[in-house]
Amino acid sequence: MNKFIVLACVCGAAYLLYDLQSVKQTANEALRAGTLKGVETCVAYSKSDLVSAETTRNVCIESFQKVLLQQ
């Protein structure tokens, strides 16, 4: 838990000071795991002409999904 708090503080400080895209993406992954807002933000950060929008969306969905039931 302490590591998460330290990571959150470091990300917050870097975000406020530098406004880095990679810091925003890391914070998004840590704070919005398993949420639709996290997927939407991931897609917004991943705009590229080299990869289709559907592929980008699928990768973001895969990285933000949570396992609901374990068999």
PDB file of N, CA and C in Angstrom:
ATOM      1  N   MET A   1       0.829  -1.194   0.000  1.00  0.00           N
ATOM      2  CA  MET A   1       0.000   0.000   0.000  1.00  0.00           C
ATOM      3  C   MET A   1       0.871   1.254   0.000  1.00  0.00           C
ATOM      4  N   ASN A   2       1.971   1.213   0.748  1.00  0.00           N
ATOM      5  CA  ASN A   2       2.852   2.378   0.797  1.00  0.00           C
ATOM      6  C   ASN A   2       3.489   2.649  -0.551  1.00  0.00           C
ATOM      7  N   LYS A   3       3.816   1.579  -1.295  1.00  0.00           N
ATOM      8  CA  LYS A   3       4.402   1.758  -2.618  1.00  0.00           C
ATOM      9  C   LYS A   3       3.415   2.444  -3.552  1.00  0.00           C
ATOM     10  N   PHE A   4       2.140   2.106  -3.431  1.00  0.00           N
ATOM     11  CA  PHE A   4       1.115   2.720  -4.270  1.00  0.00           C
ATOM     12  C   PHE A   4       0.997   4.214  -3.965  1.00  0.00           C
ATOM     13  N   ILE A   5       1.061   4.563  -2.688  1.00  0.00           N
ATOM     14  CA  ILE A   5       0.964   5.970  -2.295  1.00  0.00           C
ATOM     15  C   ILE A   5       2.168   6.749  -2.821  1.00  0.00           C
ATOM     16  N   VAL A   6       3.356   6.163  -2.706  1.00  0.00           N
ATOM     17  CA  VAL A   6       4.560   6.820  -3.213  1.00  0.00           C
ATOM     18  C   VAL A   6       4.471   6.978  -4.722  1.00  0.00           C
ATOM     19  N   LEU A   7       4.039   5.914  -5.430  1.00  0.00           N
ATOM     20  CA  LEU A   7       3.884   5.991  -6.881  1.00  0.00           C
ATOM     21  C   LEU A   7       2.879   7.066  -7.266  1.00  0.00           C
ATOM     22  N   ALA A   8       1.777   7.142  -6.544  1.00  0.00           N
ATOM     23  CA  ALA A   8       0.762   8.145  -6.838  1.00  0.00           C
ATOM     24  C   ALA A   8       1.316   9.553  -6.627  1.00  0.00           C
ATOM     25  N   CYS A   9       2.081   9.749  -5.577  1.00  0.00           N
ATOM     26  CA  CYS A   9       2.670  11.065  -5.314  1.00  0.00           C
ATOM     27  C   CYS A   9       3.690  11.449  -6.382  1.00  0.00           C
ATOM     28  N   VAL A  10       4.523  10.489  -6.779  1.00  0.00           N
ATOM     29  CA  VAL A  10       5.518  10.761  -7.810  1.00  0.00           C
ATOM     30  C   VAL A  10       4.838  11.073  -9.135  1.00  0.00           C
ATOM     31  N   CYS A  11       3.842  10.288  -9.488  1.00  0.00           N
ATOM     32  CA  CYS A  11       3.116  10.542 -10.738  1.00  0.00           C
ATOM     33  C   CYS A  11       2.400  11.888 -10.694  1.00  0.00           C
ATOM     34  N   GLY A  12       1.797  12.187  -9.569  1.00  0.00           N
ATOM     35  CA  GLY A  12       1.113  13.466  -9.432  1.00  0.00           C
ATOM     36  C   GLY A  12       2.054  14.647  -9.559  1.00  0.00           C
ATOM     37  N   ALA A  13       3.200  14.548  -8.912  1.00  0.00           N
ATOM     38  CA  ALA A  13       4.175  15.637  -8.991  1.00  0.00           C
ATOM     39  C   ALA A  13       4.717  15.790 -10.408  1.00  0.00           C
ATOM     40  N   ALA A  14       5.038  14.659 -11.055  1.00  0.00           N
ATOM     41  CA  ALA A  14       5.545  14.723 -12.427  1.00  0.00           C
ATOM     42  C   ALA A  14       4.476  15.276 -13.366  1.00  0.00           C
ATOM     43  N   TYR A  15       3.234  14.896 -13.149  1.00  0.00           N
ATOM     44  CA  TYR A  15       2.138  15.389 -13.988  1.00  0.00           C
ATOM     45  C   TYR A  15       1.996  16.901 -13.856  1.00  0.00           C
ATOM     46  N   LEU A  16       2.042  17.384 -12.624  1.00  0.00           N
ATOM     47  CA  LEU A  16       1.879  18.820 -12.405  1.00  0.00           C
ATOM     48  C   LEU A  16       3.076  19.618 -12.908  1.00  0.00           C
ATOM     49  N   LEU A  17       4.274  19.050 -12.777  1.00  0.00           N
ATOM     50  CA  LEU A  17       5.474  19.786 -13.163  1.00  0.00           C
ATOM     51  C   LEU A  17       5.774  19.713 -14.655  1.00  0.00           C
ATOM     52  N   TYR A  18       5.605  18.542 -15.236  1.00  0.00           N
ATOM     53  CA  TYR A  18       6.081  18.342 -16.607  1.00  0.00           C
ATOM     54  C   TYR A  18       4.983  18.062 -17.624  1.00  0.00           C
ATOM     55  N   ASP A  19       3.836  17.585 -17.165  1.00  0.00           N
ATOM     56  CA  ASP A  19       2.717  17.251 -18.044  1.00  0.00           C
ATOM     57  C   ASP A  19       3.152  16.266 -19.141  1.00  0.00           C
ATOM     58  N   LEU A  20       3.851  15.221 -18.734  1.00  0.00           N
ATOM     59  CA  LEU A  20       4.358  14.231 -19.672  1.00  0.00           C
ATOM     60  C   LEU A  20       3.262  13.240 -20.072  1.00  0.00           C
ATOM     61  N   GLN A  21       3.248  12.885 -21.323  1.00  0.00           N
ATOM     62  CA  GLN A  21       2.258  11.945 -21.838  1.00  0.00           C
ATOM     63  C   GLN A  21       2.424  10.566 -21.210  1.00  0.00           C
ATOM     64  N   SER A  22       3.659  10.106 -21.061  1.00  0.00           N
ATOM     65  CA  SER A  22       3.881   8.780 -20.485  1.00  0.00           C
ATOM     66  C   SER A  22       3.479   8.731 -19.014  1.00  0.00           C
ATOM     67  N   VAL A  23       3.640   9.845 -18.300  1.00  0.00           N
ATOM     68  CA  VAL A  23       3.211   9.894 -16.905  1.00  0.00           C
ATOM     69  C   VAL A  23       1.689   9.800 -16.834  1.00  0.00           C
ATOM     70  N   LYS A  24       1.020  10.481 -17.740  1.00  0.00           N
ATOM     71  CA  LYS A  24      -0.438  10.408 -17.783  1.00  0.00           C
ATOM     72  C   LYS A  24      -0.911   8.988 -18.061  1.00  0.00           C
ATOM     73  N   GLN A  25      -0.242   8.306 -18.995  1.00  0.00           N
ATOM     74  CA  GLN A  25      -0.628   6.941 -19.328  1.00  0.00           C
ATOM     75  C   GLN A  25      -0.408   5.997 -18.154  1.00  0.00           C
ATOM     76  N   THR A  26       0.711   6.133 -17.452  1.00  0.00           N
ATOM     77  CA  THR A  26       0.991   5.287 -16.294  1.00  0.00           C
ATOM     78  C   THR A  26      -0.018   5.534 -15.186  1.00  0.00           C
ATOM     79  N   ALA A  27      -0.333   6.782 -14.939  1.00  0.00           N
ATOM     80  CA  ALA A  27      -1.325   7.111 -13.920  1.00  0.00           C
ATOM     81  C   ALA A  27      -2.695   6.578 -14.311  1.00  0.00           C
ATOM     82  N   ASN A  28      -3.031   6.663 -15.578  1.00  0.00           N
ATOM     83  CA  ASN A  28      -4.302   6.139 -16.059  1.00  0.00           C
ATOM     84  C   ASN A  28      -4.388   4.637 -15.824  1.00  0.00           C
ATOM     85  N   GLU A  29      -3.317   3.910 -16.133  1.00  0.00           N
ATOM     86  CA  GLU A  29      -3.309   2.460 -15.939  1.00  0.00           C
ATOM     87  C   GLU A  29      -3.413   2.086 -14.464  1.00  0.00           C
ATOM     88  N   ALA A  30      -2.768   2.848 -13.601  1.00  0.00           N
ATOM     89  CA  ALA A  30      -2.769   2.523 -12.180  1.00  0.00           C
ATOM     90  C   ALA A  30      -4.089   2.889 -11.502  1.00  0.00           C
ATOM     91  N   LEU A  31      -4.655   4.014 -11.870  1.00  0.00           N
ATOM     92  CA  LEU A  31      -5.818   4.521 -11.155  1.00  0.00           C
ATOM     93  C   LEU A  31      -7.160   4.098 -11.753  1.00  0.00           C
ATOM     94  N   ARG A  32      -7.187   3.765 -13.020  1.00  0.00           N
ATOM     95  CA  ARG A  32      -8.463   3.453 -13.668  1.00  0.00           C
ATOM     96  C   ARG A  32      -8.524   2.031 -14.203  1.00  0.00           C
ATOM     97  N   ALA A  33      -7.815   1.127 -13.567  1.00  0.00           N
ATOM     98  CA  ALA A  33      -7.824  -0.272 -14.012  1.00  0.00           C
ATOM     99  C   ALA A  33      -9.233  -0.847 -13.870  1.00  0.00           C
ATOM    100  N   GLY A  34      -9.704  -1.484 -14.918  1.00  0.00           N
ATOM    101  CA  GLY A  34     -11.015  -2.112 -14.893  1.00  0.00           C
ATOM    102  C   GLY A  34     -12.184  -1.175 -15.121  1.00  0.00           C
ATOM    103  N   THR A  35     -11.938   0.036 -15.583  1.00  0.00           N
ATOM    104  CA  THR A  35     -13.033   0.984 -15.801  1.00  0.00           C
ATOM    105  C   THR A  35     -13.118   1.372 -17.272  1.00  0.00           C
ATOM    106  N   LEU A  36     -14.300   1.750 -17.677  1.00  0.00           N
ATOM    107  CA  LEU A  36     -14.518   2.206 -19.042  1.00  0.00           C
ATOM    108  C   LEU A  36     -13.788   3.525 -19.299  1.00  0.00           C
ATOM    109  N   LYS A  37     -13.726   4.376 -18.296  1.00  0.00           N
ATOM    110  CA  LYS A  37     -13.014   5.646 -18.428  1.00  0.00           C
ATOM    111  C   LYS A  37     -11.533   5.408 -18.716  1.00  0.00           C
ATOM    112  N   GLY A  38     -10.961   4.371 -18.099  1.00  0.00           N
ATOM    113  CA  GLY A  38      -9.572   4.025 -18.367  1.00  0.00           C
ATOM    114  C   GLY A  38      -9.361   3.605 -19.806  1.00  0.00           C
ATOM    115  N   VAL A  39     -10.302   2.824 -20.336  1.00  0.00           N
ATOM    116  CA  VAL A  39     -10.215   2.386 -21.735  1.00  0.00           C
ATOM    117  C   VAL A  39     -10.344   3.578 -22.672  1.00  0.00           C
ATOM    118  N   GLU A  40     -11.292   4.452 -22.394  1.00  0.00           N
ATOM    119  CA  GLU A  40     -11.484   5.635 -23.237  1.00  0.00           C
ATOM    120  C   GLU A  40     -10.234   6.516 -23.252  1.00  0.00           C
ATOM    121  N   THR A  41      -9.631   6.701 -22.088  1.00  0.00           N
ATOM    122  CA  THR A  41      -8.430   7.522 -21.995  1.00  0.00           C
ATOM    123  C   THR A  41      -7.264   6.864 -22.713  1.00  0.00           C
ATOM    124  N   CYS A  42      -7.147   5.552 -22.580  1.00  0.00           N
ATOM    125  CA  CYS A  42      -6.094   4.812 -23.277  1.00  0.00           C
ATOM    126  C   CYS A  42      -6.224   4.986 -24.788  1.00  0.00           C
ATOM    127  N   VAL A  43      -7.427   4.896 -25.298  1.00  0.00           N
ATOM    128  CA  VAL A  43      -7.663   5.072 -26.735  1.00  0.00           C
ATOM    129  C   VAL A  43      -7.319   6.498 -27.154  1.00  0.00           C
ATOM    130  N   ALA A  44      -7.660   7.460 -26.328  1.00  0.00           N
ATOM    131  CA  ALA A  44      -7.351   8.858 -26.653  1.00  0.00           C
ATOM    132  C   ALA A  44      -5.848   9.108 -26.685  1.00  0.00           C
ATOM    133  N   TYR A  45      -5.098   8.461 -25.792  1.00  0.00           N
ATOM    134  CA  TYR A  45      -3.647   8.625 -25.759  1.00  0.00           C
ATOM    135  C   TYR A  45      -2.961   7.892 -26.902  1.00  0.00           C
ATOM    136  N   SER A  46      -3.625   6.945 -27.515  1.00  0.00           N
ATOM    137  CA  SER A  46      -2.980   6.059 -28.488  1.00  0.00           C
ATOM    138  C   SER A  46      -3.341   6.392 -29.928  1.00  0.00           C
ATOM    139  N   LYS A  47      -3.595   7.613 -30.228  1.00  0.00           N
ATOM    140  CA  LYS A  47      -3.919   8.002 -31.597  1.00  0.00           C
ATOM    141  C   LYS A  47      -2.702   7.811 -32.495  1.00  0.00           C
ATOM    142  N   SER A  48      -2.878   7.015 -33.544  1.00  0.00           N
ATOM    143  CA  SER A  48      -1.781   6.746 -34.471  1.00  0.00           C
ATOM    144  C   SER A  48      -2.370   6.411 -35.834  1.00  0.00           C
ATOM    145  N   ASP A  49      -1.669   6.805 -36.872  1.00  0.00           N
ATOM    146  CA  ASP A  49      -2.102   6.481 -38.225  1.00  0.00           C
ATOM    147  C   ASP A  49      -1.594   5.111 -38.666  1.00  0.00           C
ATOM    148  N   LEU A  50      -0.668   4.539 -37.901  1.00  0.00           N
ATOM    149  CA  LEU A  50      -0.075   3.258 -38.276  1.00  0.00           C
ATOM    150  C   LEU A  50      -0.918   2.058 -37.840  1.00  0.00           C
ATOM    151  N   VAL A  51      -1.743   2.238 -36.815  1.00  0.00           N
ATOM    152  CA  VAL A  51      -2.557   1.154 -36.281  1.00  0.00           C
ATOM    153  C   VAL A  51      -4.022   1.560 -36.385  1.00  0.00           C
ATOM    154  N   SER A  52      -4.872   0.615 -36.739  1.00  0.00           N
ATOM    155  CA  SER A  52      -6.289   0.939 -36.887  1.00  0.00           C
ATOM    156  C   SER A  52      -6.915   1.253 -35.531  1.00  0.00           C
ATOM    157  N   ALA A  53      -7.994   1.980 -35.568  1.00  0.00           N
ATOM    158  CA  ALA A  53      -8.699   2.358 -34.341  1.00  0.00           C
ATOM    159  C   ALA A  53      -9.235   1.123 -33.620  1.00  0.00           C
ATOM    160  N   GLU A  54      -9.681   0.133 -34.378  1.00  0.00           N
ATOM    161  CA  GLU A  54     -10.205  -1.092 -33.773  1.00  0.00           C
ATOM    162  C   GLU A  54      -9.112  -1.851 -33.024  1.00  0.00           C
ATOM    163  N   THR A  55      -7.929  -1.939 -33.601  1.00  0.00           N
ATOM    164  CA  THR A  55      -6.813  -2.619 -32.943  1.00  0.00           C
ATOM    165  C   THR A  55      -6.412  -1.882 -31.678  1.00  0.00           C
ATOM    166  N   THR A  56      -6.338  -0.570 -31.746  1.00  0.00           N
ATOM    167  CA  THR A  56      -6.007   0.230 -30.563  1.00  0.00           C
ATOM    168  C   THR A  56      -7.029   0.000 -29.472  1.00  0.00           C
ATOM    169  N   ARG A  57      -8.296   0.017 -29.818  1.00  0.00           N
ATOM    170  CA  ARG A  57      -9.362  -0.200 -28.838  1.00  0.00           C
ATOM    171  C   ARG A  57      -9.256  -1.580 -28.204  1.00  0.00           C
ATOM    172  N   ASN A  58      -8.987  -2.605 -29.022  1.00  0.00           N
ATOM    173  CA  ASN A  58      -8.886  -3.964 -28.498  1.00  0.00           C
ATOM    174  C   ASN A  58      -7.716  -4.121 -27.538  1.00  0.00           C
ATOM    175  N   VAL A  59      -6.584  -3.491 -27.844  1.00  0.00           N
ATOM    176  CA  VAL A  59      -5.424  -3.553 -26.949  1.00  0.00           C
ATOM    177  C   VAL A  59      -5.733  -2.848 -25.630  1.00  0.00           C
ATOM    178  N   CYS A  60      -6.385  -1.704 -25.703  1.00  0.00           N
ATOM    179  CA  CYS A  60      -6.748  -0.977 -24.484  1.00  0.00           C
ATOM    180  C   CYS A  60      -7.745  -1.773 -23.641  1.00  0.00           C
ATOM    181  N   ILE A  61      -8.712  -2.375 -24.286  1.00  0.00           N
ATOM    182  CA  ILE A  61      -9.689  -3.188 -23.556  1.00  0.00           C
ATOM    183  C   ILE A  61      -8.999  -4.353 -22.865  1.00  0.00           C
ATOM    184  N   GLU A  62      -8.081  -4.999 -23.565  1.00  0.00           N
ATOM    185  CA  GLU A  62      -7.370  -6.146 -22.986  1.00  0.00           C
ATOM    186  C   GLU A  62      -6.527  -5.728 -21.777  1.00  0.00           C
ATOM    187  N   SER A  63      -5.908  -4.563 -21.849  1.00  0.00           N
ATOM    188  CA  SER A  63      -5.049  -4.142 -20.745  1.00  0.00           C
ATOM    189  C   SER A  63      -5.843  -3.625 -19.546  1.00  0.00           C
ATOM    190  N   PHE A  64      -7.081  -3.203 -19.737  1.00  0.00           N
ATOM    191  CA  PHE A  64      -7.878  -2.653 -18.644  1.00  0.00           C
ATOM    192  C   PHE A  64      -8.943  -3.604 -18.111  1.00  0.00           C
ATOM    193  N   GLN A  65      -9.086  -4.773 -18.695  1.00  0.00           N
ATOM    194  CA  GLN A  65     -10.125  -5.677 -18.222  1.00  0.00           C
ATOM    195  C   GLN A  65      -9.737  -6.315 -16.902  1.00  0.00           C
ATOM    196  N   LYS A  66     -10.748  -6.664 -16.112  1.00  0.00           N
ATOM    197  CA  LYS A  66     -10.549  -7.365 -14.856  1.00  0.00           C
ATOM    198  C   LYS A  66     -11.239  -8.711 -14.945  1.00  0.00           C
ATOM    199  N   VAL A  67     -10.682  -9.686 -14.256  1.00  0.00           N
ATOM    200  CA  VAL A  67     -11.291 -11.001 -14.192  1.00  0.00           C
ATOM    201  C   VAL A  67     -12.395 -10.948 -13.142  1.00  0.00           C
ATOM    202  N   LEU A  68     -13.610 -11.241 -13.547  1.00  0.00           N
ATOM    203  CA  LEU A  68     -14.736 -11.184 -12.622  1.00  0.00           C
ATOM    204  C   LEU A  68     -14.954 -12.519 -11.911  1.00  0.00           C
ATOM    205  N   LEU A  69     -14.873 -13.598 -12.653  1.00  0.00           N
ATOM    206  CA  LEU A  69     -15.085 -14.922 -12.073  1.00  0.00           C
ATOM    207  C   LEU A  69     -13.912 -15.813 -12.439  1.00  0.00           C
ATOM    208  N   GLN A  70     -13.362 -16.491 -11.447  1.00  0.00           N
ATOM    209  CA  GLN A  70     -12.302 -17.449 -11.723  1.00  0.00           C
ATOM    210  C   GLN A  70     -12.883 -18.842 -11.637  1.00  0.00           C
ATOM    211  N   GLN A  71     -12.533 -19.685 -12.590  1.00  0.00           N
ATOM    212  CA  GLN A  71     -13.097 -21.027 -12.623  1.00  0.00           C
ATOM    213  C   GLN A  71     -12.127 -22.032 -12.074  1.00  0.00           C
TER     214      GLN A  71
END
